[in-house]
Amino acid sequence: MTSIGQTIKNCREMQNMTQQELAQKVRVGLSTIEKYESGEQVPSRQTILKLSTVLDIPASELLDQAFHTHSSTIDQGL
């Protein structure tokens, strides 16, 4: 399964958008977008809704991936 970070990166690149442009449109810092794409951080539900609007993808697709990413992180911690 593709991670949420990889999906964000792929969709951003398909729209020929830089990380800086995405950060401005979603109103987060550039380092936050970098962390999302690298998998260091998972966006909040509110940010996922903003990302889905800007990237023109269904929020449900990102939410499902965020849930699975978060679950995997929890499993690794046990």
Foldseek 3Di string as FASTA:
>chain_A
DDALLCVLVVLCVVVVHDLCRLCVQLVHDSVVNVCSNVLVDQDDLSSLVSSCVVSVHDSVVSVVNSVVSVVVVVVVVD
